[in-house]
Amino acid sequence: LVAMSNKLPQPLYYFRAGLCHDIAKGVAPATIKQYLEANEASGEVLMEDQVLHQFYGAYLAKKEFNLTRGELEAIRYHTTGYKKMSPLMKVIYLVDKVEPLRKRDDDILHLAFKNYQAAFLEVVRRHEAALKQKLGKVSNIYTVSMIKSYLRSDVN
């Protein structure tokens, strides 16, 4: 719906990536780490358990549904973000942060339907603030690179 309301091309890609983005959420972190180690993704193995499902989710979505590279990239970085994000990646990251199973941010959701770019930037700001409040800093390399790329160079 966000893609359609913003008149983004190929809204089916947004729908499919959105549908599959948490496909691996219930998979045990140990299983995901085993997969990552076997596929030489050692840096990702060291990441926080709550973000690991994004990497395994991209693998499962490719294997089971043969999604496009863009859809898989959106799934792969929907939790952490990434330094260069396509509109598809931004929308999936954004809607992941405001989905109904989380604390509801209706103001962001309303903004997303009008201007997904502005909503994306606000979600990045809020995510950074939440991580700093909870952990004292932003430590994930992908999230740090996203913040540097879209907000400013001094993250912590």
Protein backbone atom coordinates (compact mmCIF):
# COMPACT_ATOMS: atom_id res chain seq x y z
CA LEU A 1 0.00 0.00 0.00
CA VAL A 2 2.86 2.39 0.74
CA ALA A 3 4.34 1.70 -2.71
CA MET A 4 1.01 2.25 -4.42
CA SER A 5 0.17 5.45 -2.53
CA ASN A 6 3.60 6.84 -3.44
CA LYS A 7 3.12 5.74 -7.07
CA LEU A 8 6.30 3.63 -6.98
CA PRO A 9 6.82 1.35 -9.99
CA GLN A 10 6.15 -2.38 -9.76
CA PRO A 11 4.22 -2.48 -6.48
CA LEU A 12 4.05 -6.28 -6.70
CA TYR A 13 7.76 -6.37 -5.76
CA TYR A 14 7.02 -4.39 -2.60
CA PHE A 15 4.13 -6.70 -1.76
CA ARG A 16 6.20 -9.87 -2.22
CA ALA A 17 9.21 -8.55 -0.27
CA GLY A 18 6.91 -7.30 2.48
CA LEU A 19 5.16 -10.64 2.67
CA CYS A 20 8.46 -12.55 2.91
CA HIS A 21 10.59 -10.17 4.99
CA ASP A 22 10.10 -12.06 8.27
CA ILE A 23 10.01 -15.55 6.77
CA ALA A 24 12.90 -16.66 9.01
CA LYS A 25 11.84 -14.84 12.19
CA GLY A 26 11.00 -18.11 13.99
CA VAL A 27 14.19 -19.92 13.01
CA ALA A 28 16.58 -20.57 15.88
CA PRO A 29 19.63 -18.26 15.87
CA ALA A 30 21.92 -21.31 16.11
CA THR A 31 20.50 -22.66 12.83
CA ILE A 32 20.97 -19.31 11.13
CA LYS A 33 24.55 -18.98 12.44
CA GLN A 34 25.31 -22.45 11.10
CA TYR A 35 24.03 -21.40 7.67
CA LEU A 36 26.01 -18.14 7.77
CA GLU A 37 29.23 -19.91 8.78
CA ALA A 38 28.79 -22.47 5.99
CA ASN A 39 28.35 -19.64 3.50
CA GLU A 40 31.38 -17.62 4.63
CA ALA A 41 29.38 -14.78 6.16
CA SER A 42 31.48 -14.67 9.31
CA GLY A 43 30.82 -10.98 10.05
CA GLU A 44 27.08 -11.57 10.11
CA VAL A 45 27.45 -14.53 12.49
CA LEU A 46 28.74 -12.10 15.12
CA MET A 47 25.69 -9.84 14.88
CA GLU A 48 22.89 -9.66 17.42
CA ASP A 49 20.49 -12.63 17.35
CA GLN A 50 17.47 -10.39 16.69
CA VAL A 51 18.83 -9.29 13.29
CA LEU A 52 20.04 -12.66 11.99
CA HIS A 53 16.69 -13.65 10.52
CA GLN A 54 17.07 -11.04 7.79
CA PHE A 55 20.03 -12.89 6.25
CA TYR A 56 18.48 -16.33 6.43
CA GLY A 57 15.17 -14.88 5.27
CA ALA A 58 16.77 -13.72 2.02
CA TYR A 59 18.16 -17.22 1.49
CA LEU A 60 14.78 -18.87 2.13
CA ALA A 61 12.91 -16.40 -0.07
CA LYS A 62 15.32 -17.06 -2.94
CA LYS A 63 15.14 -20.82 -2.49
CA GLU A 64 11.38 -21.10 -2.01
CA PHE A 65 9.97 -18.22 -4.08
CA ASN A 66 12.68 -17.22 -6.57
CA LEU A 67 12.33 -13.50 -5.80
CA THR A 68 14.26 -10.84 -7.68
CA ARG A 69 17.64 -9.56 -6.52
CA GLY A 70 16.02 -6.29 -5.41
CA GLU A 71 13.39 -8.10 -3.35
CA LEU A 72 16.08 -10.26 -1.74
CA GLU A 73 18.21 -7.21 -0.88
CA ALA A 74 15.19 -5.58 0.77
CA ILE A 75 14.66 -8.71 2.89
CA ARG A 76 18.39 -9.08 3.63
CA TYR A 77 18.65 -5.60 5.21
CA HIS A 78 15.13 -4.91 6.49
CA THR A 79 16.19 -4.95 10.15
CA THR A 80 19.57 -3.20 10.06
CA GLY A 81 19.30 -1.02 6.99
CA TYR A 82 22.22 -0.53 4.61
CA LYS A 83 24.37 2.33 3.33
CA LYS A 84 22.77 2.51 -0.14
CA MET A 85 19.12 1.59 -0.20
CA SER A 86 16.77 1.40 -3.16
CA PRO A 87 13.19 2.64 -2.79
CA LEU A 88 12.16 -1.00 -2.27
CA MET A 89 14.71 -1.45 0.52
CA LYS A 90 13.62 1.80 2.19
CA VAL A 91 9.94 0.88 2.13
CA ILE A 92 10.50 -2.62 3.55
CA TYR A 93 12.80 -1.23 6.27
CA LEU A 94 10.23 1.46 7.05
CA VAL A 95 7.17 -0.80 7.22
CA ASP A 96 9.09 -3.33 9.31
CA LYS A 97 9.60 -0.66 11.97
CA VAL A 98 5.92 0.40 12.06
CA GLU A 99 4.20 -2.98 11.62
CA PRO A 100 1.26 -3.67 13.95
CA LEU A 101 3.12 -6.23 16.09
CA ARG A 102 5.49 -3.48 17.22
CA LYS A 103 4.70 -0.28 19.06
CA ARG A 104 2.37 1.45 16.65
CA ASP A 105 3.62 4.70 15.10
CA ASP A 106 0.52 5.97 13.32
CA ASP A 107 2.11 9.35 12.57
CA ILE A 108 4.91 7.63 10.65
CA LEU A 109 2.47 5.34 8.90
CA HIS A 110 0.36 8.29 7.76
CA LEU A 111 3.48 10.09 6.56
CA ALA A 112 4.61 6.94 4.71
CA PHE A 113 1.45 6.95 2.61
CA LYS A 114 2.18 10.54 1.53
CA ASN A 115 5.98 10.63 1.39
CA TYR A 116 7.84 7.37 2.01
CA GLN A 117 11.24 9.15 1.80
CA ALA A 118 10.41 11.50 4.69
CA ALA A 119 8.92 8.63 6.69
CA PHE A 120 12.03 6.54 6.07
CA LEU A 121 14.31 9.29 7.39
CA GLU A 122 12.15 9.74 10.49
CA VAL A 123 12.21 6.00 11.17
CA VAL A 124 16.01 6.00 10.83
CA ARG A 125 16.21 8.88 13.36
CA ARG A 126 13.90 7.11 15.79
CA HIS A 127 15.68 3.78 15.38
CA GLU A 128 19.02 5.41 16.11
CA ALA A 129 17.60 7.12 19.23
CA ALA A 130 16.04 3.86 20.44
CA LEU A 131 19.29 1.93 20.00
CA LYS A 132 21.27 4.62 21.83
CA GLN A 133 18.76 4.62 24.66
CA LYS A 134 18.73 0.84 24.94
CA LEU A 135 22.39 0.01 24.23
CA GLY A 136 24.19 3.33 24.71
CA LYS A 137 25.33 3.32 21.07
CA VAL A 138 24.63 2.01 17.60
CA SER A 139 26.92 -0.97 17.09
CA ASN A 140 25.66 -2.83 14.03
CA ILE A 141 27.92 -2.05 11.08
CA TYR A 142 25.07 -1.96 8.57
CA THR A 143 22.95 0.34 10.74
CA VAL A 144 25.92 2.64 11.33
CA SER A 145 26.58 2.82 7.60
CA MET A 146 22.89 3.60 6.92
CA ILE A 147 22.85 6.41 9.48
CA LYS A 148 26.09 7.86 8.07
CA SER A 149 24.70 7.68 4.58
CA TYR A 150 21.25 9.15 5.22
CA LEU A 151 21.54 11.34 8.32
CA ARG A 152 25.10 12.38 9.11
CA SER A 153 28.64 11.11 9.51
CA ASP A 154 28.94 11.17 13.32
CA VAL A 155 26.86 8.24 14.62
CA ASN A 156 27.99 7.56 18.18
